[in-house]
Amino acid sequence: MEDIIPMKVIARMRSDFPTKFGIPRQSGLVEELRSRVVFAPEYRNPEALRGLEGFSHIWLIWQFSQAVREGWSPTVRPPRLGGNERMGVFATRSPFRPNPVGLSCVRLVEIVRKPELELVVAGADLMDGTPVLDIKPYVPYADCRPEAVGGFAASGGGGTLRVACPAELLGRVPQGKQEALLGVLGRDPRPPYQNDPSRVYGMAFAGVEVRFRVCEGVLTVVDIA
């Protein structure tokens, strides 16, 4: 009989990404992004956060809520490798796992206690509404490993692009969100195996729809609605 361990959703993420497309591939890649971890009513106890203000970064443990499925596969196709080569699921950060659990290191910007208990964080890679299962402090002496080897993911968080966005279009993005959007676009939100210079991509961000194309290392924003 398979063991089942119950988990509780202690909070929900509130971010500018209503869908998966465009979310940075790892946490910490776009420092300008701001998100909120809003605690569920039964966990809105300020005592649970006593001492957290002394830490600069925290770990978020969360559920890939859009990837919950029956069954699992021992191998997956990482987008980083073009989607054509299989790797063991435990050698990847694929959302398609026996337990769809994610782990993100984010910078703690602020602890807000009223009107609701929440954490403002920078650099999160979570979709809006993502269930948060636990929060732990990042402890530098134990969590930082400069000598670590990154395997097939050693090359960093993907390519970077030069972003060309007319000021008129950028002005349609809510105030305080423009730099975050430019940072997300510069990290190339396309799937790594797509490289059609004529294709126009659409990405929802902070209440607007951003349309862009990419050619020869330049991402050009063609519309923001």
C-alpha atoms as a PDB file:
ATOM      1  CA  MET A   1       0.000   0.000   0.000  1.00  0.00           C
ATOM      2  CA  GLU A   2       1.383   3.374  -1.002  1.00  0.00           C
ATOM      3  CA  ASP A   3       2.120   5.774   1.843  1.00  0.00           C
ATOM      4  CA  ILE A   4       0.212   9.062   1.755  1.00  0.00           C
ATOM      5  CA  ILE A   5       1.495  12.060   3.714  1.00  0.00           C
ATOM      6  CA  PRO A   6      -1.027  14.900   4.117  1.00  0.00           C
ATOM      7  CA  MET A   7       0.197  18.437   3.455  1.00  0.00           C
ATOM      8  CA  LYS A   8      -1.374  21.769   4.355  1.00  0.00           C
ATOM      9  CA  VAL A   9      -1.417  24.888   2.165  1.00  0.00           C
ATOM     10  CA  ILE A  10      -0.107  27.592   4.486  1.00  0.00           C
ATOM     11  CA  ALA A  11      -0.137  30.435   1.947  1.00  0.00           C
ATOM     12  CA  ARG A  12      -0.738  31.409  -1.670  1.00  0.00           C
ATOM     13  CA  MET A  13       1.599  33.242  -3.995  1.00  0.00           C
ATOM     14  CA  ARG A  14       0.384  36.508  -5.523  1.00  0.00           C
ATOM     15  CA  SER A  15       2.482  37.339  -8.567  1.00  0.00           C
ATOM     16  CA  ASP A  16       2.215  39.073 -11.936  1.00  0.00           C
ATOM     17  CA  PHE A  17       2.059  35.771 -13.864  1.00  0.00           C
ATOM     18  CA  PRO A  18      -1.494  34.432 -14.366  1.00  0.00           C
ATOM     19  CA  THR A  19      -0.125  31.648 -16.602  1.00  0.00           C
ATOM     20  CA  LYS A  20       3.096  29.631 -16.749  1.00  0.00           C
ATOM     21  CA  PHE A  21       4.425  31.221 -19.941  1.00  0.00           C
ATOM     22  CA  GLY A  22       7.064  33.844 -19.232  1.00  0.00           C
ATOM     23  CA  ILE A  23       7.881  32.842 -15.668  1.00  0.00           C
ATOM     24  CA  PRO A  24      11.692  32.840 -15.162  1.00  0.00           C
ATOM     25  CA  ARG A  25      13.108  29.335 -15.337  1.00  0.00           C
ATOM     26  CA  GLN A  26      14.616  29.566 -11.864  1.00  0.00           C
ATOM     27  CA  SER A  27      14.237  31.814  -8.861  1.00  0.00           C
ATOM     28  CA  GLY A  28      16.567  34.783  -8.457  1.00  0.00           C
ATOM     29  CA  LEU A  29      17.092  35.399 -12.178  1.00  0.00           C
ATOM     30  CA  VAL A  30      14.969  38.576 -12.289  1.00  0.00           C
ATOM     31  CA  GLU A  31      15.587  40.499  -9.091  1.00  0.00           C
ATOM     32  CA  GLU A  32      13.156  43.260 -10.104  1.00  0.00           C
ATOM     33  CA  LEU A  33      10.160  40.939  -9.767  1.00  0.00           C
ATOM     34  CA  ARG A  34       8.084  41.492  -6.636  1.00  0.00           C
ATOM     35  CA  SER A  35       5.574  38.950  -5.347  1.00  0.00           C
ATOM     36  CA  ARG A  36       3.593  38.416  -2.172  1.00  0.00           C
ATOM     37  CA  VAL A  37       3.254  35.293  -0.069  1.00  0.00           C
ATOM     38  CA  VAL A  38      -0.203  35.694   1.509  1.00  0.00           C
ATOM     39  CA  PHE A  39      -0.868  33.416   4.464  1.00  0.00           C
ATOM     40  CA  ALA A  40      -4.070  31.391   4.780  1.00  0.00           C
ATOM     41  CA  PRO A  41      -6.370  32.580   7.617  1.00  0.00           C
ATOM     42  CA  GLU A  42      -5.439  29.770  10.004  1.00  0.00           C
ATOM     43  CA  TYR A  43      -1.711  30.622   9.657  1.00  0.00           C
ATOM     44  CA  ARG A  44      -1.952  34.400  10.007  1.00  0.00           C
ATOM     45  CA  ASN A  45      -0.178  34.381  13.336  1.00  0.00           C
ATOM     46  CA  PRO A  46       2.696  36.901  13.547  1.00  0.00           C
ATOM     47  CA  GLU A  47       4.364  34.719  16.162  1.00  0.00           C
ATOM     48  CA  ALA A  48       5.091  32.157  13.432  1.00  0.00           C
ATOM     49  CA  LEU A  49       7.415  34.718  11.799  1.00  0.00           C
ATOM     50  CA  ARG A  50       9.266  35.832  14.906  1.00  0.00           C
ATOM     51  CA  GLY A  51      12.970  36.115  14.030  1.00  0.00           C
ATOM     52  CA  LEU A  52      12.481  35.839  10.264  1.00  0.00           C
ATOM     53  CA  GLU A  53      13.319  39.534   9.827  1.00  0.00           C
ATOM     54  CA  GLY A  54      16.938  38.651  10.562  1.00  0.00           C
ATOM     55  CA  PHE A  55      17.282  36.621   7.358  1.00  0.00           C
ATOM     56  CA  SER A  56      17.845  38.162   3.926  1.00  0.00           C
ATOM     57  CA  HIS A  57      16.587  35.153   1.937  1.00  0.00           C
ATOM     58  CA  ILE A  58      14.087  32.355   2.427  1.00  0.00           C
ATOM     59  CA  TRP A  59      13.201  29.032   0.851  1.00  0.00           C
ATOM     60  CA  LEU A  60       9.682  28.552  -0.461  1.00  0.00           C
ATOM     61  CA  ILE A  61       8.435  24.970  -0.740  1.00  0.00           C
ATOM     62  CA  TRP A  62       5.412  24.842  -3.006  1.00  0.00           C
ATOM     63  CA  GLN A  63       3.236  22.696  -5.233  1.00  0.00           C
ATOM     64  CA  PHE A  64       3.327  22.612  -9.037  1.00  0.00           C
ATOM     65  CA  SER A  65      -0.452  23.010  -8.939  1.00  0.00           C
ATOM     66  CA  GLN A  66      -0.756  23.032 -12.745  1.00  0.00           C
ATOM     67  CA  ALA A  67       1.207  19.792 -13.111  1.00  0.00           C
ATOM     68  CA  VAL A  68      -0.663  17.450 -10.784  1.00  0.00           C
ATOM     69  CA  ARG A  69      -1.322  14.167 -12.572  1.00  0.00           C
ATOM     70  CA  GLU A  70      -1.802  10.484 -11.937  1.00  0.00           C
ATOM     71  CA  GLY A  71       1.272   8.337 -12.369  1.00  0.00           C
ATOM     72  CA  TRP A  72       4.826   9.393 -13.136  1.00  0.00           C
ATOM     73  CA  SER A  73       7.681   8.725 -15.541  1.00  0.00           C
ATOM     74  CA  PRO A  74      11.276   7.972 -14.476  1.00  0.00           C
ATOM     75  CA  THR A  75      12.567  10.188 -17.298  1.00  0.00           C
ATOM     76  CA  VAL A  76      11.591  13.620 -18.628  1.00  0.00           C
ATOM     77  CA  ARG A  77      12.636  15.859 -21.521  1.00  0.00           C
ATOM     78  CA  PRO A  78      14.279  19.023 -20.101  1.00  0.00           C
ATOM     79  CA  PRO A  79      13.584  22.112 -22.257  1.00  0.00           C
ATOM     80  CA  ARG A  80      17.178  23.193 -21.627  1.00  0.00           C
ATOM     81  CA  LEU A  81      18.294  20.224 -23.754  1.00  0.00           C
ATOM     82  CA  GLY A  82      15.908  21.088 -26.569  1.00  0.00           C
ATOM     83  CA  GLY A  83      13.146  18.766 -25.456  1.00  0.00           C
ATOM     84  CA  ASN A  84      14.684  15.882 -27.372  1.00  0.00           C
ATOM     85  CA  GLU A  85      16.939  14.216 -24.796  1.00  0.00           C
ATOM     86  CA  ARG A  86      15.664  12.327 -21.789  1.00  0.00           C
ATOM     87  CA  MET A  87      17.091  12.676 -18.301  1.00  0.00           C
ATOM     88  CA  GLY A  88      16.142  11.039 -15.021  1.00  0.00           C
ATOM     89  CA  VAL A  89      13.368  12.973 -13.318  1.00  0.00           C
ATOM     90  CA  PHE A  90      15.466  13.265 -10.151  1.00  0.00           C
ATOM     91  CA  ALA A  91      18.288  14.866 -12.174  1.00  0.00           C
ATOM     92  CA  THR A  92      15.951  17.679 -13.236  1.00  0.00           C
ATOM     93  CA  ARG A  93      13.640  20.313 -11.793  1.00  0.00           C
ATOM     94  CA  SER A  94      10.786  19.261 -14.033  1.00  0.00           C
ATOM     95  CA  PRO A  95       7.299  19.821 -12.559  1.00  0.00           C
ATOM     96  CA  PHE A  96       6.285  16.314 -13.645  1.00  0.00           C
ATOM     97  CA  ARG A  97       7.432  14.323 -10.624  1.00  0.00           C
ATOM     98  CA  PRO A  98       6.062  11.644  -8.287  1.00  0.00           C
ATOM     99  CA  ASN A  99       5.291  14.535  -5.913  1.00  0.00           C
ATOM    100  CA  PRO A 100       4.830  17.865  -7.771  1.00  0.00           C
ATOM    101  CA  VAL A 101       6.843  19.917  -5.271  1.00  0.00           C
ATOM    102  CA  GLY A 102       9.006  22.927  -6.112  1.00  0.00           C
ATOM    103  CA  LEU A 103      11.753  24.721  -4.199  1.00  0.00           C
ATOM    104  CA  SER A 104      12.663  28.400  -4.671  1.00  0.00           C
ATOM    105  CA  CYS A 105      15.148  30.691  -2.948  1.00  0.00           C
ATOM    106  CA  VAL A 106      13.882  34.290  -2.865  1.00  0.00           C
ATOM    107  CA  ARG A 107      14.971  37.517  -1.205  1.00  0.00           C
ATOM    108  CA  LEU A 108      12.833  38.647   1.696  1.00  0.00           C
ATOM    109  CA  VAL A 109      11.961  42.295   1.064  1.00  0.00           C
ATOM    110  CA  GLU A 110       9.384  42.987   3.764  1.00  0.00           C
ATOM    111  CA  ILE A 111       7.160  41.360   6.359  1.00  0.00           C
ATOM    112  CA  VAL A 112       3.666  42.912   6.227  1.00  0.00           C
ATOM    113  CA  ARG A 113       1.471  42.254   9.233  1.00  0.00           C
ATOM    114  CA  LYS A 114      -1.649  44.312   8.403  1.00  0.00           C
ATOM    115  CA  PRO A 115      -4.278  44.068   6.997  1.00  0.00           C
ATOM    116  CA  GLU A 116      -3.175  40.499   6.212  1.00  0.00           C
ATOM    117  CA  LEU A 117      -0.018  38.667   7.177  1.00  0.00           C
ATOM    118  CA  GLU A 118       2.174  38.390   4.073  1.00  0.00           C
ATOM    119  CA  LEU A 119       5.766  38.389   2.873  1.00  0.00           C
ATOM    120  CA  VAL A 120       6.984  40.588   0.037  1.00  0.00           C
ATOM    121  CA  VAL A 121       9.722  38.734  -1.861  1.00  0.00           C
ATOM    122  CA  ALA A 122      12.000  39.439  -4.822  1.00  0.00           C
ATOM    123  CA  GLY A 123      12.974  37.105  -7.642  1.00  0.00           C
ATOM    124  CA  ALA A 124      10.238  34.484  -7.271  1.00  0.00           C
ATOM    125  CA  ASP A 125       9.488  32.066 -10.130  1.00  0.00           C
ATOM    126  CA  LEU A 126       5.922  31.148  -9.115  1.00  0.00           C
ATOM    127  CA  MET A 127       2.616  31.582 -10.885  1.00  0.00           C
ATOM    128  CA  ASP A 128      -0.166  33.580  -9.274  1.00  0.00           C
ATOM    129  CA  GLY A 129      -2.178  31.418  -6.882  1.00  0.00           C
ATOM    130  CA  THR A 130       0.534  28.790  -6.373  1.00  0.00           C
ATOM    131  CA  PRO A 131       0.027  26.881  -3.085  1.00  0.00           C
ATOM    132  CA  VAL A 132       2.901  27.373  -0.639  1.00  0.00           C
ATOM    133  CA  LEU A 133       3.509  24.372   1.635  1.00  0.00           C
ATOM    134  CA  ASP A 134       6.324  25.642   3.840  1.00  0.00           C
ATOM    135  CA  ILE A 135       8.800  28.486   4.391  1.00  0.00           C
ATOM    136  CA  LYS A 136      12.318  28.056   5.739  1.00  0.00           C
ATOM    137  CA  PRO A 137      15.140  30.558   6.276  1.00  0.00           C
ATOM    138  CA  TYR A 138      18.120  30.477   3.923  1.00  0.00           C
ATOM    139  CA  VAL A 139      21.197  29.784   6.075  1.00  0.00           C
ATOM    140  CA  PRO A 140      24.356  30.873   4.191  1.00  0.00           C
ATOM    141  CA  TYR A 141      26.896  28.681   6.007  1.00  0.00           C
ATOM    142  CA  ALA A 142      24.872  25.542   5.262  1.00  0.00           C
ATOM    143  CA  ASP A 143      22.984  26.368   2.055  1.00  0.00           C
ATOM    144  CA  CYS A 144      25.761  27.986   0.009  1.00  0.00           C
ATOM    145  CA  ARG A 145      28.086  25.563  -1.787  1.00  0.00           C
ATOM    146  CA  PRO A 146      30.507  27.499  -4.086  1.00  0.00           C
ATOM    147  CA  GLU A 147      32.240  24.262  -5.095  1.00  0.00           C
ATOM    148  CA  ALA A 148      29.023  22.646  -6.347  1.00  0.00           C
ATOM    149  CA  VAL A 149      28.904  21.188  -9.884  1.00  0.00           C
ATOM    150  CA  GLY A 150      25.814  21.920 -12.004  1.00  0.00           C
ATOM    151  CA  GLY A 151      25.712  18.971 -14.407  1.00  0.00           C
ATOM    152  CA  PHE A 152      23.895  19.675 -17.666  1.00  0.00           C
ATOM    153  CA  ALA A 153      22.421  22.834 -16.052  1.00  0.00           C
ATOM    154  CA  ALA A 154      25.795  24.415 -15.276  1.00  0.00           C
ATOM    155  CA  SER A 155      25.509  27.115 -17.961  1.00  0.00           C
ATOM    156  CA  GLY A 156      23.197  29.371 -15.953  1.00  0.00           C
ATOM    157  CA  GLY A 157      19.557  30.364 -16.342  1.00  0.00           C
ATOM    158  CA  GLY A 158      19.354  30.430 -20.104  1.00  0.00           C
ATOM    159  CA  GLY A 159      20.252  33.005 -22.721  1.00  0.00           C
ATOM    160  CA  THR A 160      19.811  36.737 -22.457  1.00  0.00           C
ATOM    161  CA  LEU A 161      18.413  39.052 -25.107  1.00  0.00           C
ATOM    162  CA  ARG A 162      18.538  42.753 -25.861  1.00  0.00           C
ATOM    163  CA  VAL A 163      15.032  44.140 -25.432  1.00  0.00           C
ATOM    164  CA  ALA A 164      13.627  46.804 -27.755  1.00  0.00           C
ATOM    165  CA  CYS A 165      10.380  48.276 -26.432  1.00  0.00           C
ATOM    166  CA  PRO A 166       8.996  51.642 -27.579  1.00  0.00           C
ATOM    167  CA  ALA A 167       8.372  54.041 -24.697  1.00  0.00           C
ATOM    168  CA  GLU A 168       4.747  54.408 -25.775  1.00  0.00           C
ATOM    169  CA  LEU A 169       4.152  50.691 -25.306  1.00  0.00           C
ATOM    170  CA  LEU A 170       6.147  50.431 -22.084  1.00  0.00           C
ATOM    171  CA  GLY A 171       3.991  53.213 -20.652  1.00  0.00           C
ATOM    172  CA  ARG A 172       0.996  50.858 -20.792  1.00  0.00           C
ATOM    173  CA  VAL A 173       2.578  48.635 -18.139  1.00  0.00           C
ATOM    174  CA  PRO A 174       1.479  49.456 -14.560  1.00  0.00           C
ATOM    175  CA  GLN A 175       3.794  51.781 -12.672  1.00  0.00           C
ATOM    176  CA  GLY A 176       6.526  49.953 -10.817  1.00  0.00           C
ATOM    177  CA  LYS A 177       6.308  46.911 -13.101  1.00  0.00           C
ATOM    178  CA  GLN A 178       8.231  48.146 -16.173  1.00  0.00           C
ATOM    179  CA  GLU A 179      11.726  47.122 -15.039  1.00  0.00           C
ATOM    180  CA  ALA A 180      10.486  43.717 -13.954  1.00  0.00           C
ATOM    181  CA  LEU A 181       8.887  43.149 -17.357  1.00  0.00           C
ATOM    182  CA  LEU A 182      12.070  44.161 -19.174  1.00  0.00           C
ATOM    183  CA  GLY A 183      14.035  41.782 -16.964  1.00  0.00           C
ATOM    184  CA  VAL A 184      11.660  38.910 -17.735  1.00  0.00           C
ATOM    185  CA  LEU A 185      11.797  39.581 -21.480  1.00  0.00           C
ATOM    186  CA  GLY A 186      15.582  39.888 -21.420  1.00  0.00           C
ATOM    187  CA  ARG A 187      15.784  36.373 -19.973  1.00  0.00           C
ATOM    188  CA  ASP A 188      14.069  35.030 -23.130  1.00  0.00           C
ATOM    189  CA  PRO A 189      10.678  33.637 -22.059  1.00  0.00           C
ATOM    190  CA  ARG A 190      10.374  31.427 -25.150  1.00  0.00           C
ATOM    191  CA  PRO A 191      10.796  27.653 -24.841  1.00  0.00           C
ATOM    192  CA  PRO A 192      14.500  26.962 -25.555  1.00  0.00           C
ATOM    193  CA  TYR A 193      13.694  24.830 -28.592  1.00  0.00           C
ATOM    194  CA  GLN A 194      11.657  27.556 -30.377  1.00  0.00           C
ATOM    195  CA  ASN A 195      13.568  29.959 -32.616  1.00  0.00           C
ATOM    196  CA  ASP A 196      11.233  31.193 -35.353  1.00  0.00           C
ATOM    197  CA  PRO A 197      12.025  34.888 -36.030  1.00  0.00           C
ATOM    198  CA  SER A 198       8.645  35.434 -37.712  1.00  0.00           C
ATOM    199  CA  ARG A 199       6.573  34.109 -34.814  1.00  0.00           C
ATOM    200  CA  VAL A 200       4.820  36.562 -32.511  1.00  0.00           C
ATOM    201  CA  TYR A 201       4.565  35.362 -28.907  1.00  0.00           C
ATOM    202  CA  GLY A 202       2.039  36.510 -26.344  1.00  0.00           C
ATOM    203  CA  MET A 203       2.652  36.721 -22.606  1.00  0.00           C
ATOM    204  CA  ALA A 204       0.331  37.851 -19.812  1.00  0.00           C
ATOM    205  CA  PHE A 205       2.035  39.987 -17.163  1.00  0.00           C
ATOM    206  CA  ALA A 206       0.710  42.343 -14.472  1.00  0.00           C
ATOM    207  CA  GLY A 207      -2.688  42.675 -16.106  1.00  0.00           C
ATOM    208  CA  VAL A 208      -1.461  43.367 -19.651  1.00  0.00           C
ATOM    209  CA  GLU A 209      -0.824  41.191 -22.704  1.00  0.00           C
ATOM    210  CA  VAL A 210       2.683  41.578 -24.119  1.00  0.00           C
ATOM    211  CA  ARG A 211       3.333  40.546 -27.726  1.00  0.00           C
ATOM    212  CA  PHE A 212       6.870  40.194 -29.030  1.00  0.00           C
ATOM    213  CA  ARG A 213       9.133  38.526 -31.563  1.00  0.00           C
ATOM    214  CA  VAL A 214      12.807  37.569 -31.405  1.00  0.00           C
ATOM    215  CA  CYS A 215      15.379  37.841 -34.175  1.00  0.00           C
ATOM    216  CA  GLU A 216      19.193  37.693 -34.002  1.00  0.00           C
ATOM    217  CA  GLY A 217      19.415  38.169 -30.251  1.00  0.00           C
ATOM    218  CA  VAL A 218      16.963  41.077 -30.069  1.00  0.00           C
ATOM    219  CA  LEU A 219      13.495  40.776 -28.534  1.00  0.00           C
ATOM    220  CA  THR A 220      11.190  43.408 -30.033  1.00  0.00           C
ATOM    221  CA  VAL A 221       7.927  44.245 -28.290  1.00  0.00           C
ATOM    222  CA  VAL A 222       5.271  44.783 -30.963  1.00  0.00           C
ATOM    223  CA  ASP A 223       2.269  45.469 -28.742  1.00  0.00           C
ATOM    224  CA  ILE A 224       1.156  45.781 -25.118  1.00  0.00           C
ATOM    225  CA  ALA A 225      -2.590  45.700 -24.545  1.00  0.00           C
END
